[in-house]
Amino acid sequence: MKKNIEHFPRKAVLTPQQKLAQLMDQHEAVHLNELFEMEQDRFTKYCVGCDDLVFDFSKQRINASILDALVELAEEKQLKQWIDTLFSKNKINYTEQREAMHWALRLPENDKTYPELAAQVGEQLDRMYDLVNKIHAGQYRGATGEVIQDVVNIGVGGSDLGPLMVSHALSDFKVKTAKPLNIRFVSTMDGSQLSDMLHQLRPETTLFIVSSKSFGTIDTLSNAHTARKWLEKALGREKAVLNSHFIGVSTKSEKMTEWGIHPDKQLLLWDWVGGRYSLWSCIGLPIALTIGVEGFKAFLDGAHNIDQHFQTTEFSQNLPVLMGLIGVWNTNYLKLNTHAVLPYDGRLKYFTSYLQQLEMESNGKSTQRNGHKVEHNTCPIVWGEVGPNAQHAFYQLLHQGTHSVSCDFIAPIKRYNANHFTYAKTADTLIDQHLLALSNCLAQSRLLAFGNQVLNPEELEQLPAYKQYEGNQPSTTMLLKELSPRTMGKLIALYEHKVFVQSVIWDINPFDQWGVEKGKEIANELLPILNGQTAEVTHLDASTQGLIEFLLEKTDG
């Protein structure tokens, strides 16, 4: 007689989220020391290489079961289909009905998949390269015929952070020019940066780049207006001054023309390029002026290499996917609300600031694609500093504080060589300094992970509590062969795609920033009150009314 299988209880099939919740309950109290004891080969199992960089996530609080469940979650969320949608002409930014095709900015010139798009991008890049070559050769001159020697980039947000960060990071690759060329950056709307800078510059030899996607950003235009007045006062109001001393980068050619920038000095963007993703475009003109045309092409090529890796590599070996999924595990399951980025190279001074915009402006959202509120945390608070400086600032909190924090450690393997300096002995001492930085990088991640276990057992017995370390702070270590235009491009693209992976898991749109826009609108409503054009304040809250009254009294006084 056949048994009726319906009488046997069926084992419930768990969703990836349920599996991860169970695994979190099982492993929440498991220390990294125990994980390394259970898996002696953790580094081999949880380390992935991609050409000239290594990604070690063995010090993350995960195991094979957790990683498998995270990959399953990505599959359930149809990550592969979303990646295909990103690398297409579909309007993935649905709230603004736009594509998000920053990847197209680094397509090869002979791309076969999107030849028209590659040609369109290439046309603007070629125009930028022509300007770069002329400036480097000393052929670009100001209104008085003198060679341009100072270039000031005026922008804010993505039009400032990206170019500033990369130009500083790749300062070792600065090209030789006919005359010394200085690249400077201005972003603050209060004019403090520009005021200090103008005292150091000569109008005859200064060129301004006005970078604004909309060419309507008040921060940027206020600085540009001041720069124009400074030039006109020194050199006159002739059109030659505007023609020779301003380059514009924007989607709005008509607005640039109306402002006074000659069409020959206009470089164009497209609506499908988000501001924080725009450094690969002509917004990157300061980068190209720093590292040259060939350096900029290598920068783009490095990013394109990661684009291909992201599209074609299985999730378990896919660097941006792993970065994103580990971040989801830390944020949603281990409940780590902050993430520190700690580069051990002074050239990456502005990298964390850049990532703050990239990650928090992209994924700092609480509304899902279906319009419902999210039921979990999304983007953690991103913070950090150059590691050696941070060790003397907030590492105390990381090691012995009450907050759990996830960390990214980033360092180049090679730093100095004799070619950097006239005297080889100088290079030798600086190489020793770089080894000192690397040893600190490895030591800090080790102590954060393992705590007291890294101490001498005999010493530990006599140590008071205030000299002991709990450890179990998860971290990832990323080592670059060297910090070059190509590896810098790869590093940025990795974080771009990490952000996208997390947006898919959290079901949010990473390509709009409505929270940013509304603040600007309200500021524009208050400005007429402060400058005396209107006195109507009754519609404002009591706090704002009181502050305005105080400001006006002090201003009048």
Protein backbone atom coordinates (compact mmCIF):
# COMPACT_ATOMS: atom_id res chain seq x y z
CA MET A 1 0.00 0.00 0.00
CA LYS A 2 1.38 3.38 -1.01
CA LYS A 3 1.99 5.94 1.68
CA ASN A 4 0.18 9.23 1.32
CA ILE A 5 3.05 11.73 1.25
CA GLU A 6 0.61 14.50 2.21
CA HIS A 7 0.58 13.01 5.74
CA PHE A 8 4.28 13.81 6.17
CA PRO A 9 5.13 17.36 7.31
CA ARG A 10 6.98 19.44 4.76
CA LYS A 11 10.04 21.37 5.73
CA ALA A 12 9.37 25.09 5.37
CA VAL A 13 11.31 26.79 2.58
CA LEU A 14 12.95 29.90 3.95
CA THR A 15 13.39 33.10 1.99
CA PRO A 16 16.93 34.53 1.79
CA GLN A 17 15.91 37.21 4.29
CA GLN A 18 14.65 34.56 6.72
CA LYS A 19 17.84 32.55 6.30
CA LEU A 20 19.94 35.64 6.99
CA ALA A 21 17.85 36.49 10.05
CA GLN A 22 18.40 32.97 11.39
CA LEU A 23 22.09 33.13 10.64
CA MET A 24 22.31 36.48 12.39
CA ASP A 25 20.69 34.97 15.50
CA GLN A 26 23.18 32.09 15.38
CA HIS A 27 26.29 34.17 14.70
CA GLU A 28 25.61 37.55 16.28
CA ALA A 29 27.63 36.59 19.36
CA VAL A 30 30.35 34.75 17.41
CA HIS A 31 33.67 36.58 17.65
CA LEU A 32 36.05 36.96 14.72
CA ASN A 33 38.56 34.98 16.78
CA GLU A 34 36.21 32.00 16.67
CA LEU A 35 35.59 32.38 12.94
CA PHE A 36 39.32 32.25 12.26
CA GLU A 37 39.68 29.21 14.54
CA MET A 38 36.87 27.39 12.72
CA GLU A 39 38.23 28.25 9.26
CA GLN A 40 42.01 28.23 9.16
CA ASP A 41 41.89 29.06 5.42
CA ARG A 42 39.71 32.17 5.76
CA PHE A 43 42.09 34.42 3.83
CA THR A 44 42.08 32.02 0.86
CA LYS A 45 38.30 31.62 0.97
CA TYR A 46 37.42 35.27 1.50
CA CYS A 47 39.94 37.13 -0.64
CA VAL A 48 39.31 38.05 -4.27
CA GLY A 49 41.78 39.56 -6.74
CA CYS A 50 41.10 41.60 -9.84
CA ASP A 51 44.27 42.27 -11.86
CA ASP A 52 46.21 44.89 -9.88
CA LEU A 53 44.11 44.98 -6.71
CA VAL A 54 43.29 42.56 -3.88
CA PHE A 55 40.08 42.57 -1.84
CA ASP A 56 40.37 40.79 1.53
CA PHE A 57 37.09 40.44 3.41
CA SER A 58 38.18 37.62 5.71
CA LYS A 59 37.90 39.98 8.72
CA GLN A 60 34.20 40.52 8.05
CA ARG A 61 31.82 38.72 10.42
CA ILE A 62 30.59 36.23 7.85
CA ASN A 63 30.99 32.57 6.97
CA ALA A 64 30.18 30.45 3.91
CA SER A 65 26.51 30.03 4.90
CA ILE A 66 26.04 33.78 5.31
CA LEU A 67 27.79 34.51 2.01
CA ASP A 68 25.65 31.93 0.20
CA ALA A 69 22.47 33.43 1.65
CA LEU A 70 23.58 36.93 0.62
CA VAL A 71 24.19 35.74 -2.94
CA GLU A 72 20.78 34.07 -2.88
CA LEU A 73 19.28 37.38 -1.74
CA ALA A 74 20.92 39.13 -4.70
CA GLU A 75 19.48 36.53 -7.05
CA GLU A 76 16.00 36.86 -5.54
CA LYS A 77 16.23 40.64 -5.99
CA GLN A 78 17.11 39.98 -9.67
CA LEU A 79 20.44 41.77 -9.40
CA LYS A 80 21.69 40.38 -12.72
CA GLN A 81 18.66 41.81 -14.55
CA TRP A 82 19.16 45.14 -12.80
CA ILE A 83 22.82 45.20 -13.85
CA ASP A 84 21.72 44.58 -17.44
CA THR A 85 19.21 47.43 -17.10
CA LEU A 86 21.88 49.77 -15.78
CA PHE A 87 24.11 49.04 -18.78
CA SER A 88 21.37 49.92 -21.24
CA LYS A 89 19.47 52.94 -22.47
CA ASN A 90 16.48 52.25 -20.21
CA LYS A 91 15.29 55.07 -17.94
CA ILE A 92 16.42 53.40 -14.73
CA ASN A 93 16.15 56.75 -12.89
CA TYR A 94 12.37 56.53 -12.95
CA THR A 95 11.55 59.58 -10.77
CA GLU A 96 13.27 61.89 -13.26
CA GLN A 97 12.60 59.75 -16.33
CA ARG A 98 16.29 59.55 -17.19
CA GLU A 99 18.85 56.94 -17.99
CA ALA A 100 21.90 56.57 -15.72
CA MET A 101 24.65 55.98 -18.23
CA HIS A 102 27.82 57.19 -16.52
CA TRP A 103 29.36 53.89 -17.67
CA ALA A 104 29.05 55.21 -21.25
CA LEU A 105 31.56 57.95 -20.44
CA ARG A 106 34.32 55.33 -20.28
CA LEU A 107 33.35 53.26 -23.33
CA PRO A 108 36.21 52.56 -25.73
CA GLU A 109 36.20 54.74 -28.84
CA ASN A 110 35.59 51.66 -31.02
CA ASP A 111 32.80 50.20 -28.87
CA LYS A 112 30.62 47.87 -30.96
CA THR A 113 27.61 47.67 -28.62
CA TYR A 114 26.86 51.40 -28.48
CA PRO A 115 28.88 52.94 -31.34
CA GLU A 116 26.75 56.12 -31.59
CA LEU A 117 26.94 56.70 -27.84
CA ALA A 118 30.70 56.14 -27.81
CA ALA A 119 31.09 58.59 -30.71
CA GLN A 120 28.94 61.20 -28.95
CA VAL A 121 30.99 60.97 -25.78
CA GLY A 122 34.24 60.83 -27.74
CA GLU A 123 33.44 64.07 -29.56
CA GLN A 124 33.25 66.04 -26.30
CA LEU A 125 36.27 64.30 -24.79
CA ASP A 126 38.29 65.11 -27.92
CA ARG A 127 37.33 68.78 -27.59
CA MET A 128 38.46 68.65 -23.96
CA TYR A 129 41.72 66.94 -24.95
CA ASP A 130 42.41 69.70 -27.49
CA LEU A 131 42.04 72.34 -24.77
CA VAL A 132 44.24 70.35 -22.40
CA ASN A 133 47.01 70.01 -25.01
CA LYS A 134 46.89 73.72 -25.83
CA ILE A 135 47.09 74.73 -22.19
CA HIS A 136 49.94 72.29 -21.54
CA ALA A 137 51.86 73.54 -24.58
CA GLY A 138 51.50 77.17 -23.53
CA GLN A 139 49.37 77.89 -26.61
CA TYR A 140 46.29 78.92 -24.63
CA ARG A 141 46.66 82.57 -23.74
CA GLY A 142 44.69 85.14 -21.82
CA ALA A 143 43.24 88.40 -23.14
CA THR A 144 46.60 90.17 -22.84
CA GLY A 145 48.50 87.43 -24.65
CA GLU A 146 50.14 85.93 -21.57
CA VAL A 147 50.25 82.15 -21.09
CA ILE A 148 47.69 80.66 -18.70
CA GLN A 149 49.42 79.40 -15.55
CA ASP A 150 46.58 79.10 -13.03
CA VAL A 151 43.32 77.23 -13.60
CA VAL A 152 40.50 77.59 -11.07
CA ASN A 153 37.67 75.04 -11.14
CA ILE A 154 34.42 76.57 -9.89
CA GLY A 155 31.85 73.94 -8.98
CA VAL A 156 30.10 72.26 -6.08
CA GLY A 157 29.10 68.70 -5.20
CA GLY A 158 29.94 66.31 -8.01
CA SER A 159 31.44 69.15 -10.05
CA ASP A 160 33.98 69.76 -7.29
CA LEU A 161 34.46 66.69 -5.08
CA GLY A 162 35.33 64.25 -7.86
CA PRO A 163 37.82 66.41 -9.78
CA LEU A 164 39.39 67.66 -6.54
CA MET A 165 39.72 64.17 -5.09
CA VAL A 166 41.26 62.57 -8.18
CA SER A 167 43.55 65.50 -9.01
CA HIS A 168 44.99 65.35 -5.50
CA ALA A 169 45.21 61.54 -5.50
CA LEU A 170 47.13 61.46 -8.79
CA SER A 171 49.45 64.37 -8.05
CA ASP A 172 52.46 62.07 -8.55
CA PHE A 173 51.41 61.74 -12.19
CA LYS A 174 51.29 65.47 -12.90
CA VAL A 175 52.51 66.06 -16.44
CA LYS A 176 55.21 68.52 -17.39
CA THR A 177 53.95 71.65 -19.11
CA ALA A 178 55.58 74.47 -21.07
CA LYS A 179 55.17 76.69 -18.02
CA PRO A 180 54.26 75.61 -14.46
CA LEU A 181 50.49 75.05 -14.24
CA ASN A 182 48.54 75.21 -10.97
CA ILE A 183 45.06 73.69 -10.61
CA ARG A 184 42.87 75.13 -7.86
CA PHE A 185 39.32 74.48 -6.65
CA VAL A 186 36.54 76.72 -5.36
CA SER A 187 33.19 75.46 -4.07
CA THR A 188 31.89 77.35 -1.00
CA MET A 189 29.08 79.79 -1.72
CA ASP A 190 30.22 82.20 1.02
CA GLY A 191 33.15 83.29 -1.15
CA SER A 192 35.82 82.57 1.47
CA GLN A 193 37.83 80.21 -0.74
CA LEU A 194 37.64 82.51 -3.75
CA SER A 195 38.49 85.63 -1.76
CA ASP A 196 41.68 84.08 -0.40
CA MET A 197 42.62 82.74 -3.81
CA LEU A 198 42.14 85.91 -5.85
CA HIS A 199 44.76 87.67 -3.73
CA GLN A 200 47.31 85.11 -4.93
CA LEU A 201 46.43 85.15 -8.65
CA ARG A 202 47.18 87.37 -11.64
CA PRO A 203 44.12 88.07 -13.82
CA GLU A 204 46.27 88.00 -16.98
CA THR A 205 47.30 84.35 -16.45
CA THR A 206 44.19 82.88 -14.76
CA LEU A 207 41.58 80.66 -16.43
CA PHE A 208 38.29 79.74 -14.74
CA ILE A 209 36.33 76.53 -15.40
CA VAL A 210 32.65 76.97 -14.52
CA SER A 211 31.26 73.46 -13.99
CA SER A 212 27.53 73.10 -13.42
CA LYS A 213 25.29 70.47 -14.94
CA SER A 214 22.26 72.80 -14.91
CA PHE A 215 24.27 76.02 -15.09
CA GLY A 216 21.82 77.28 -12.50
CA THR A 217 23.47 76.23 -9.25
CA ILE A 218 23.56 79.36 -7.12
CA ASP A 219 26.74 78.32 -5.28
CA THR A 220 28.70 78.00 -8.50
CA LEU A 221 27.23 81.01 -10.32
CA SER A 222 27.83 83.33 -7.36
CA ASN A 223 31.53 82.41 -7.37
CA ALA A 224 31.67 82.67 -11.17
CA HIS A 225 30.09 86.13 -11.04
CA THR A 226 32.69 87.30 -8.51
CA ALA A 227 35.50 85.90 -10.67
CA ARG A 228 34.12 87.71 -13.72
CA LYS A 229 33.91 91.02 -11.82
CA TRP A 230 37.51 90.53 -10.66
CA LEU A 231 38.69 89.99 -14.23
CA GLU A 232 36.66 92.88 -15.65
CA LYS A 233 37.99 95.27 -13.02
CA ALA A 234 41.57 94.34 -13.92
CA LEU A 235 41.32 93.75 -17.68
CA GLY A 236 38.20 95.61 -18.83
CA ARG A 237 34.77 94.49 -19.94
CA GLU A 238 35.71 93.42 -23.46
CA LYS A 239 34.34 90.14 -24.79
CA ALA A 240 37.92 88.98 -25.16
CA VAL A 241 38.13 88.70 -21.38
CA LEU A 242 35.17 86.32 -21.20
CA ASN A 243 36.30 84.44 -24.30
CA SER A 244 39.83 83.91 -23.05
CA HIS A 245 39.37 83.38 -19.34
CA PHE A 246 36.30 81.14 -18.98
CA ILE A 247 35.50 77.56 -19.99
CA GLY A 248 32.04 76.20 -19.25
CA VAL A 249 30.95 72.60 -18.67
CA SER A 250 27.20 71.99 -18.59
CA THR A 251 24.19 70.40 -20.25
CA LYS A 252 22.84 73.88 -20.98
CA SER A 253 24.67 75.44 -23.91
CA GLU A 254 22.18 78.30 -24.17
CA LYS A 255 22.69 79.26 -20.52
CA MET A 256 26.46 79.25 -20.91
CA THR A 257 26.16 81.50 -23.96
CA GLU A 258 23.78 83.85 -22.16
CA TRP A 259 26.24 84.10 -19.25
CA GLY A 260 29.01 85.05 -21.67
CA ILE A 261 31.00 81.89 -22.36
CA HIS A 262 31.98 81.54 -26.01
CA PRO A 263 30.61 78.43 -27.79
CA ASP A 264 34.19 77.36 -28.61
CA LYS A 265 34.90 77.23 -24.87
CA GLN A 266 31.82 75.15 -23.97
CA LEU A 267 32.02 71.44 -23.15
CA LEU A 268 28.75 69.56 -23.01
CA LEU A 269 27.23 67.01 -20.64
CA TRP A 270 24.03 64.99 -20.94
CA ASP A 271 21.01 64.62 -18.64
CA TRP A 272 21.83 60.93 -18.24
CA VAL A 273 24.99 61.81 -16.29
CA GLY A 274 24.33 62.31 -12.57
CA GLY A 275 26.47 64.99 -10.92
CA ARG A 276 28.19 62.59 -8.52
CA TYR A 277 28.97 60.26 -11.44
CA SER A 278 30.25 62.97 -13.78
CA LEU A 279 34.01 63.08 -13.15
CA TRP A 280 34.49 60.72 -16.13
CA SER A 281 33.08 63.41 -18.45
CA CYS A 282 34.39 66.88 -19.24
CA ILE A 283 33.69 67.70 -15.59
CA GLY A 284 37.01 65.87 -15.25
CA LEU A 285 38.86 68.65 -17.12
CA PRO A 286 40.93 69.51 -14.00
CA ILE A 287 41.92 65.84 -13.77
CA ALA A 288 43.02 65.80 -17.40
CA LEU A 289 44.95 69.04 -16.86
CA THR A 290 46.74 67.36 -13.96
CA ILE A 291 47.59 63.94 -15.45
CA GLY A 292 47.40 64.68 -19.18
CA VAL A 293 45.36 63.17 -21.98
CA GLU A 294 46.98 59.73 -21.85
CA GLY A 295 46.63 59.64 -18.07
CA PHE A 296 42.93 60.50 -18.33
CA LYS A 297 42.42 57.77 -20.91
CA ALA A 298 44.08 55.26 -18.55
CA PHE A 299 41.76 56.52 -15.80
CA LEU A 300 38.72 55.81 -17.99
CA ASP A 301 40.11 52.44 -19.04
CA GLY A 302 40.49 51.33 -15.43
CA ALA A 303 36.84 52.14 -14.74
CA HIS A 304 35.73 50.36 -17.93
CA ASN A 305 37.64 47.29 -16.76
CA ILE A 306 35.51 47.21 -13.60
CA ASP A 307 32.35 47.78 -15.67
CA GLN A 308 33.14 44.58 -17.55
CA HIS A 309 34.06 42.70 -14.37
CA PHE A 310 30.75 43.79 -12.80
CA GLN A 311 28.71 42.58 -15.77
CA THR A 312 30.41 39.24 -16.42
CA THR A 313 31.76 37.84 -13.13
CA GLU A 314 29.75 35.44 -10.97
CA PHE A 315 28.50 37.02 -7.79
CA SER A 316 30.74 35.01 -5.44
CA GLN A 317 33.83 36.50 -7.13
CA ASN A 318 32.36 39.85 -8.17
CA LEU A 319 34.02 42.67 -6.22
CA PRO A 320 31.25 45.31 -6.35
CA VAL A 321 28.64 42.66 -5.59
CA LEU A 322 30.62 41.38 -2.60
CA MET A 323 31.20 44.93 -1.34
CA GLY A 324 27.50 45.68 -1.62
CA LEU A 325 26.28 42.46 -0.03
CA ILE A 326 28.73 42.67 2.87
CA GLY A 327 27.48 46.22 3.47
CA VAL A 328 23.89 44.96 3.50
CA TRP A 329 24.81 42.26 6.05
CA ASN A 330 26.54 44.82 8.27
CA THR A 331 23.77 47.41 7.99
CA ASN A 332 20.61 45.31 8.13
CA TYR A 333 21.62 42.27 10.15
CA LEU A 334 24.55 43.25 12.38
CA LYS A 335 22.94 46.71 12.77
CA LEU A 336 26.12 48.66 12.15
CA ASN A 337 24.93 52.19 11.39
CA THR A 338 28.25 53.76 10.44
CA HIS A 339 31.00 52.83 7.99
CA ALA A 340 34.53 54.26 8.17
CA VAL A 341 36.79 54.57 5.12
CA LEU A 342 40.46 54.65 6.14
CA PRO A 343 43.01 55.07 3.33
CA TYR A 344 46.67 54.69 4.30
CA ASP A 345 47.96 57.13 1.70
CA GLY A 346 47.91 60.90 2.09
CA ARG A 347 47.08 61.29 -1.59
CA LEU A 348 43.61 59.86 -0.82
CA LYS A 349 42.91 62.75 1.55
CA TYR A 350 39.61 63.63 -0.16
CA PHE A 351 38.47 60.09 -0.96
CA THR A 352 36.16 59.72 2.04
CA SER A 353 34.52 63.09 1.32
CA TYR A 354 33.91 61.94 -2.23
CA LEU A 355 32.37 58.67 -1.01
CA GLN A 356 30.13 60.53 1.42
CA GLN A 357 28.37 62.15 -1.52
CA LEU A 358 28.47 59.05 -3.72
CA GLU A 359 26.95 56.77 -1.09
CA MET A 360 24.78 59.00 1.10
CA GLU A 361 23.30 61.10 -1.69
CA SER A 362 22.60 57.96 -3.70
CA ASN A 363 21.24 55.60 -1.06
CA GLY A 364 20.19 57.95 1.74
CA LYS A 365 16.57 57.18 0.89
CA SER A 366 13.58 55.85 2.84
CA THR A 367 11.07 55.34 0.00
CA GLN A 368 11.02 52.21 -2.13
CA ARG A 369 10.40 52.08 -5.85
CA ASN A 370 6.75 51.17 -5.18
CA GLY A 371 6.29 54.32 -3.11
CA HIS A 372 6.15 52.52 0.24
CA LYS A 373 8.44 53.26 3.16
CA VAL A 374 11.39 50.95 3.60
CA GLU A 375 11.19 48.61 6.61
CA HIS A 376 14.93 48.53 7.30
CA ASN A 377 17.93 50.83 7.38
CA THR A 378 19.44 51.82 4.06
CA CYS A 379 22.72 53.70 3.67
CA PRO A 380 24.96 53.82 6.75
CA ILE A 381 26.67 57.06 7.73
CA VAL A 382 29.97 57.16 5.81
CA TRP A 383 32.90 58.87 7.50
CA GLY A 384 36.64 58.54 7.90
CA GLU A 385 40.03 60.13 7.38
CA VAL A 386 43.50 59.28 6.15
CA GLY A 387 44.46 56.37 8.41
CA PRO A 388 47.69 57.65 10.00
CA ASN A 389 45.94 60.88 11.03
CA ALA A 390 42.81 59.04 12.18
CA GLN A 391 44.90 56.84 14.48
CA HIS A 392 45.55 59.96 16.57
CA ALA A 393 41.92 61.07 16.48
CA PHE A 394 39.01 58.64 16.49
CA TYR A 395 40.66 55.19 16.57
CA GLN A 396 40.22 55.33 20.35
CA LEU A 397 36.48 55.03 19.75
CA LEU A 398 36.98 52.21 17.24
CA HIS A 399 39.12 50.16 19.62
CA GLN A 400 37.52 50.79 22.99
CA GLY A 401 34.30 52.72 22.42
CA THR A 402 30.71 51.55 22.70
CA HIS A 403 29.89 51.72 18.97
CA SER A 404 30.33 48.92 16.47
CA VAL A 405 31.70 50.24 13.17
CA SER A 406 32.59 48.55 9.88
CA CYS A 407 35.74 49.77 8.16
CA ASP A 408 37.44 49.80 4.76
CA PHE A 409 41.25 49.92 4.85
CA ILE A 410 42.82 51.01 1.53
CA ALA A 411 46.52 51.15 0.69
CA PRO A 412 48.87 50.96 -2.31
CA ILE A 413 51.53 48.23 -2.19
CA LYS A 414 54.15 50.36 -3.98
CA ARG A 415 54.56 54.05 -3.32
CA TYR A 416 57.97 55.63 -3.93
CA ASN A 417 60.88 54.91 -6.23
CA ALA A 418 64.10 56.67 -7.20
CA ASN A 419 62.44 58.23 -10.24
CA HIS A 420 60.40 60.48 -7.94
CA PHE A 421 63.47 62.26 -6.58
CA THR A 422 66.84 63.67 -7.58
CA TYR A 423 68.59 61.83 -4.76
CA ALA A 424 68.03 58.08 -4.42
CA LYS A 425 68.69 58.26 -0.66
CA THR A 426 65.59 60.43 -0.28
CA ALA A 427 63.53 57.77 -2.04
CA ASP A 428 64.93 55.09 0.28
CA THR A 429 63.84 56.93 3.40
CA LEU A 430 60.38 57.61 1.97
CA ILE A 431 60.00 53.94 1.00
CA ASP A 432 60.71 53.13 4.65
CA GLN A 433 57.99 55.58 5.64
CA HIS A 434 55.53 53.88 3.31
CA LEU A 435 56.37 50.52 4.90
CA LEU A 436 55.64 52.14 8.25
CA ALA A 437 52.21 53.19 6.96
CA LEU A 438 51.51 49.69 5.62
CA SER A 439 52.51 48.08 8.91
CA ASN A 440 50.12 50.41 10.74
CA CYS A 441 47.33 49.62 8.28
CA LEU A 442 47.68 45.88 8.88
CA ALA A 443 48.16 46.29 12.62
CA GLN A 444 45.06 48.43 13.11
CA SER A 445 42.76 46.07 11.21
CA ARG A 446 44.27 43.15 13.17
CA LEU A 447 43.67 44.75 16.56
CA LEU A 448 40.16 45.84 15.56
CA ALA A 449 39.33 42.27 14.57
CA PHE A 450 40.99 40.18 17.25
CA GLY A 451 41.31 42.46 20.25
CA ASN A 452 43.07 40.94 23.25
CA GLN A 453 44.10 37.85 21.28
CA VAL A 454 46.88 39.83 19.58
CA LEU A 455 48.37 40.71 22.97
CA ASN A 456 50.99 38.69 24.80
CA PRO A 457 49.08 36.21 27.04
CA GLU A 458 51.44 36.80 29.98
CA GLU A 459 51.06 40.54 29.59
CA LEU A 460 47.26 40.24 29.34
CA GLU A 461 46.94 38.65 32.78
CA GLN A 462 48.32 41.78 34.39
CA LEU A 463 46.53 44.36 32.25
CA PRO A 464 43.74 46.46 33.82
CA ALA A 465 40.45 46.64 31.92
CA TYR A 466 41.21 50.04 30.44
CA LYS A 467 44.18 48.57 28.58
CA GLN A 468 42.23 45.69 27.03
CA TYR A 469 40.49 45.40 23.67
CA GLU A 470 37.28 43.61 22.78
CA GLY A 471 37.94 43.45 19.04
CA ASN A 472 35.29 41.95 16.72
CA GLN A 473 35.09 45.15 14.65
CA PRO A 474 34.64 43.96 11.03
CA SER A 475 36.78 45.37 8.24
CA THR A 476 37.82 44.89 4.64
CA THR A 477 41.33 45.56 3.36
CA MET A 478 41.88 46.61 -0.24
CA LEU A 479 45.45 46.67 -1.57
CA LEU A 480 46.28 48.35 -4.88
CA LYS A 481 49.45 47.46 -6.77
CA GLU A 482 50.05 51.21 -6.91
CA LEU A 483 47.92 54.33 -6.97
CA SER A 484 47.89 55.19 -10.68
CA PRO A 485 45.35 56.68 -13.10
CA ARG A 486 44.21 53.17 -14.04
CA THR A 487 43.86 51.82 -10.49
CA MET A 488 42.21 55.05 -9.34
CA GLY A 489 39.60 54.58 -12.06
CA LYS A 490 39.05 51.01 -10.92
CA LEU A 491 38.73 51.99 -7.27
CA ILE A 492 36.07 54.64 -7.92
CA ALA A 493 34.08 52.39 -10.25
CA LEU A 494 34.09 49.64 -7.60
CA TYR A 495 32.38 51.96 -5.12
CA GLU A 496 29.96 53.27 -7.76
CA HIS A 497 28.75 49.75 -8.50
CA LYS A 498 28.73 48.79 -4.81
CA VAL A 499 26.23 51.62 -4.29
CA PHE A 500 24.08 50.30 -7.14
CA VAL A 501 24.10 46.74 -5.74
CA GLN A 502 22.85 48.00 -2.40
CA SER A 503 20.15 50.12 -4.03
CA VAL A 504 18.80 46.97 -5.72
CA ILE A 505 18.75 45.02 -2.45
CA TRP A 506 17.05 47.94 -0.66
CA ASP A 507 14.69 48.56 -3.62
CA ILE A 508 15.43 52.29 -3.85
CA ASN A 509 16.42 54.66 -6.66
CA PRO A 510 20.08 55.69 -6.23
CA PHE A 511 20.06 58.23 -9.06
CA ASP A 512 17.86 61.06 -7.76
CA GLN A 513 18.38 63.48 -4.84
CA TRP A 514 15.09 65.21 -4.07
CA GLY A 515 16.18 65.96 -0.50
CA VAL A 516 18.98 68.12 -1.88
CA GLU A 517 16.71 70.01 -4.26
CA LYS A 518 14.11 71.05 -1.69
CA GLY A 519 16.68 72.66 0.61
CA LYS A 520 17.87 74.82 -2.29
CA GLU A 521 14.29 75.91 -3.06
CA ILE A 522 13.64 76.98 0.53
CA ALA A 523 16.93 78.92 0.57
CA ASN A 524 15.82 80.82 -2.54
CA GLU A 525 12.57 81.73 -0.75
CA LEU A 526 14.46 83.16 2.24
CA LEU A 527 17.08 85.14 0.29
CA PRO A 528 14.70 88.02 -0.70
CA ILE A 529 13.93 88.53 3.01
CA LEU A 530 17.59 88.76 3.97
CA ASN A 531 18.51 91.13 1.14
CA GLY A 532 15.56 93.43 1.86
CA GLN A 533 13.41 92.76 -1.19
CA THR A 534 10.49 91.65 1.00
CA ALA A 535 9.62 91.87 4.68
CA GLU A 536 6.94 89.16 4.72
CA VAL A 537 7.87 86.52 7.33
CA THR A 538 4.51 85.60 8.88
CA HIS A 539 4.39 82.31 6.95
CA LEU A 540 7.62 81.15 8.58
CA ASP A 541 8.05 79.23 11.81
CA ALA A 542 8.91 81.12 15.00
CA SER A 543 12.53 79.92 15.07
CA THR A 544 13.29 81.05 11.52
CA GLN A 545 11.50 84.37 12.09
CA GLY A 546 13.56 85.00 15.23
CA LEU A 547 16.85 84.13 13.52
CA ILE A 548 16.04 86.39 10.54
CA GLU A 549 15.17 89.26 12.86
CA PHE A 550 18.46 88.78 14.72
CA LEU A 551 20.44 88.65 11.45
CA LEU A 552 18.81 91.79 10.07
CA GLU A 553 19.45 93.70 13.28
CA LYS A 554 23.11 92.77 13.30
CA THR A 555 23.49 93.46 9.57
CA ASP A 556 21.88 96.91 9.87
CA GLY A 557 24.04 97.70 12.87
